[in-house]
Amino acid sequence: MPYDTLSPAPAAHRVELDGRERLIVTGVDDVDRFDENEIVMSTSAGTLIVTGESLHLGKLSLDGGELHVDGHIDSLLYEDAGRSSGGFLSRLLGG
């Protein structure tokens, strides 16, 4: 069996929200950008955008695919890679 066919399975994606103050996300591939009002991350289930106030990355482990966020969380929004219209960026850019 060739080695290139033995690629690891994608990490299981899970979102756990405790109140609106603490968020734990698993299956995180990369954090694209973050500031105190928005965190954009690539997950095994698509791009996840977290918005809120005073957002803080408490724990980030890309090796384990886990991210902890503290702060006041207002929304969680998924952007599908194959979606061509109506997404966050198209609305933002007026498309």
C-alpha atoms as a PDB file:
ATOM      1  CA  MET A   1       0.000   0.000   0.000  1.00  0.00           C
ATOM      2  CA  PRO A   2       1.509   3.405  -0.973  1.00  0.00           C
ATOM      3  CA  TYR A   3       2.239   5.821   1.854  1.00  0.00           C
ATOM      4  CA  ASP A   4       0.466   8.770   0.192  1.00  0.00           C
ATOM      5  CA  THR A   5      -2.906   7.019   0.577  1.00  0.00           C
ATOM      6  CA  LEU A   6      -2.449   6.875   4.345  1.00  0.00           C
ATOM      7  CA  SER A   7      -3.216  10.545   4.973  1.00  0.00           C
ATOM      8  CA  PRO A   8      -4.717  11.209   8.398  1.00  0.00           C
ATOM      9  CA  ALA A   9      -8.475  11.574   8.691  1.00  0.00           C
ATOM     10  CA  PRO A  10      -9.733  15.120   9.248  1.00  0.00           C
ATOM     11  CA  ALA A  11     -10.089  16.058  12.906  1.00  0.00           C
ATOM     12  CA  ALA A  12     -13.604  15.760  14.295  1.00  0.00           C
ATOM     13  CA  HIS A  13     -15.313  19.135  14.418  1.00  0.00           C
ATOM     14  CA  ARG A  14     -17.135  20.115  17.581  1.00  0.00           C
ATOM     15  CA  VAL A  15     -18.374  23.458  18.912  1.00  0.00           C
ATOM     16  CA  GLU A  16     -19.116  23.883  22.603  1.00  0.00           C
ATOM     17  CA  LEU A  17     -20.527  27.211  23.799  1.00  0.00           C
ATOM     18  CA  ASP A  18     -20.767  27.821  27.543  1.00  0.00           C
ATOM     19  CA  GLY A  19     -23.191  30.695  27.993  1.00  0.00           C
ATOM     20  CA  ARG A  20     -21.908  33.435  25.717  1.00  0.00           C
ATOM     21  CA  GLU A  21     -18.580  33.755  27.494  1.00  0.00           C
ATOM     22  CA  ARG A  22     -16.570  30.641  26.568  1.00  0.00           C
ATOM     23  CA  LEU A  23     -16.241  28.753  23.297  1.00  0.00           C
ATOM     24  CA  ILE A  24     -14.304  25.566  22.569  1.00  0.00           C
ATOM     25  CA  VAL A  25     -13.851  24.523  18.938  1.00  0.00           C
ATOM     26  CA  THR A  26     -12.188  21.297  17.785  1.00  0.00           C
ATOM     27  CA  GLY A  27     -11.283  20.349  14.237  1.00  0.00           C
ATOM     28  CA  VAL A  28      -9.514  23.700  13.689  1.00  0.00           C
ATOM     29  CA  ASP A  29      -7.048  23.641  10.792  1.00  0.00           C
ATOM     30  CA  ASP A  30      -5.874  27.269  10.903  1.00  0.00           C
ATOM     31  CA  VAL A  31      -6.741  30.689  12.321  1.00  0.00           C
ATOM     32  CA  ASP A  32      -6.937  33.081   9.391  1.00  0.00           C
ATOM     33  CA  ARG A  33      -7.236  36.279  11.439  1.00  0.00           C
ATOM     34  CA  PHE A  34      -8.377  37.506  14.806  1.00  0.00           C
ATOM     35  CA  ASP A  35      -8.875  40.650  16.837  1.00  0.00           C
ATOM     36  CA  GLU A  36     -10.998  41.553  19.851  1.00  0.00           C
ATOM     37  CA  ASN A  37     -14.210  41.648  17.738  1.00  0.00           C
ATOM     38  CA  GLU A  38     -13.799  38.813  15.233  1.00  0.00           C
ATOM     39  CA  ILE A  39     -12.037  35.468  14.818  1.00  0.00           C
ATOM     40  CA  VAL A  40     -11.956  33.723  11.426  1.00  0.00           C
ATOM     41  CA  MET A  41     -10.789  30.112  11.370  1.00  0.00           C
ATOM     42  CA  SER A  42     -10.653  27.230   8.916  1.00  0.00           C
ATOM     43  CA  THR A  43     -12.174  24.051  10.320  1.00  0.00           C
ATOM     44  CA  SER A  44     -12.858  20.584   8.974  1.00  0.00           C
ATOM     45  CA  ALA A  45     -16.505  21.726   8.543  1.00  0.00           C
ATOM     46  CA  GLY A  46     -15.711  24.969   6.670  1.00  0.00           C
ATOM     47  CA  THR A  47     -14.755  28.510   7.622  1.00  0.00           C
ATOM     48  CA  LEU A  48     -16.100  29.572  11.017  1.00  0.00           C
ATOM     49  CA  ILE A  49     -16.466  33.268  11.874  1.00  0.00           C
ATOM     50  CA  VAL A  50     -16.918  34.184  15.533  1.00  0.00           C
ATOM     51  CA  THR A  51     -17.964  37.757  16.353  1.00  0.00           C
ATOM     52  CA  GLY A  52     -18.286  39.473  19.699  1.00  0.00           C
ATOM     53  CA  GLU A  53     -16.580  41.832  22.097  1.00  0.00           C
ATOM     54  CA  SER A  54     -13.348  41.470  24.079  1.00  0.00           C
ATOM     55  CA  LEU A  55     -12.590  38.154  22.358  1.00  0.00           C
ATOM     56  CA  HIS A  56      -9.428  36.494  23.606  1.00  0.00           C
ATOM     57  CA  LEU A  57      -7.720  33.316  22.414  1.00  0.00           C
ATOM     58  CA  GLY A  58      -7.266  31.384  25.636  1.00  0.00           C
ATOM     59  CA  LYS A  59      -5.738  28.263  24.105  1.00  0.00           C
ATOM     60  CA  LEU A  60      -4.669  27.517  20.566  1.00  0.00           C
ATOM     61  CA  SER A  61      -3.369  24.096  19.623  1.00  0.00           C
ATOM     62  CA  LEU A  62      -3.240  23.615  15.860  1.00  0.00           C
ATOM     63  CA  ASP A  63      -1.464  20.283  16.357  1.00  0.00           C
ATOM     64  CA  GLY A  64      -4.514  19.059  18.266  1.00  0.00           C
ATOM     65  CA  GLY A  65      -6.940  21.227  16.290  1.00  0.00           C
ATOM     66  CA  GLU A  66      -8.380  22.901  19.377  1.00  0.00           C
ATOM     67  CA  LEU A  67      -9.191  26.559  20.052  1.00  0.00           C
ATOM     68  CA  HIS A  68     -10.563  28.175  23.225  1.00  0.00           C
ATOM     69  CA  VAL A  69     -12.142  31.635  23.069  1.00  0.00           C
ATOM     70  CA  ASP A  70     -13.142  33.820  26.017  1.00  0.00           C
ATOM     71  CA  GLY A  71     -15.162  37.048  25.818  1.00  0.00           C
ATOM     72  CA  HIS A  72     -18.710  38.104  24.918  1.00  0.00           C
ATOM     73  CA  ILE A  73     -19.724  36.000  21.898  1.00  0.00           C
ATOM     74  CA  ASP A  74     -22.413  37.479  19.647  1.00  0.00           C
ATOM     75  CA  SER A  75     -22.492  35.073  16.702  1.00  0.00           C
ATOM     76  CA  LEU A  76     -21.064  31.974  15.041  1.00  0.00           C
ATOM     77  CA  LEU A  77     -21.283  31.847  11.245  1.00  0.00           C
ATOM     78  CA  TYR A  78     -20.137  29.113   8.873  1.00  0.00           C
ATOM     79  CA  GLU A  79     -18.993  29.903   5.348  1.00  0.00           C
ATOM     80  CA  ASP A  80     -18.948  26.894   3.017  1.00  0.00           C
ATOM     81  CA  ALA A  81     -16.031  26.786   0.587  1.00  0.00           C
ATOM     82  CA  GLY A  82     -18.255  25.785  -2.343  1.00  0.00           C
ATOM     83  CA  ARG A  83     -20.863  28.476  -1.754  1.00  0.00           C
ATOM     84  CA  SER A  84     -20.700  31.115  -4.483  1.00  0.00           C
ATOM     85  CA  SER A  85     -23.205  33.734  -3.370  1.00  0.00           C
ATOM     86  CA  GLY A  86     -24.741  35.196  -0.258  1.00  0.00           C
ATOM     87  CA  GLY A  87     -21.655  34.657   1.877  1.00  0.00           C
ATOM     88  CA  PHE A  88     -20.212  37.019   4.422  1.00  0.00           C
ATOM     89  CA  LEU A  89     -17.524  38.420   2.117  1.00  0.00           C
ATOM     90  CA  SER A  90     -19.910  38.918  -0.796  1.00  0.00           C
ATOM     91  CA  ARG A  91     -22.310  40.827   1.470  1.00  0.00           C
ATOM     92  CA  LEU A  92     -19.422  42.840   2.891  1.00  0.00           C
ATOM     93  CA  LEU A  93     -18.106  43.707  -0.571  1.00  0.00           C
ATOM     94  CA  GLY A  94     -21.557  44.336  -2.002  1.00  0.00           C
ATOM     95  CA  GLY A  95     -21.502  41.350  -4.376  1.00  0.00           C
END
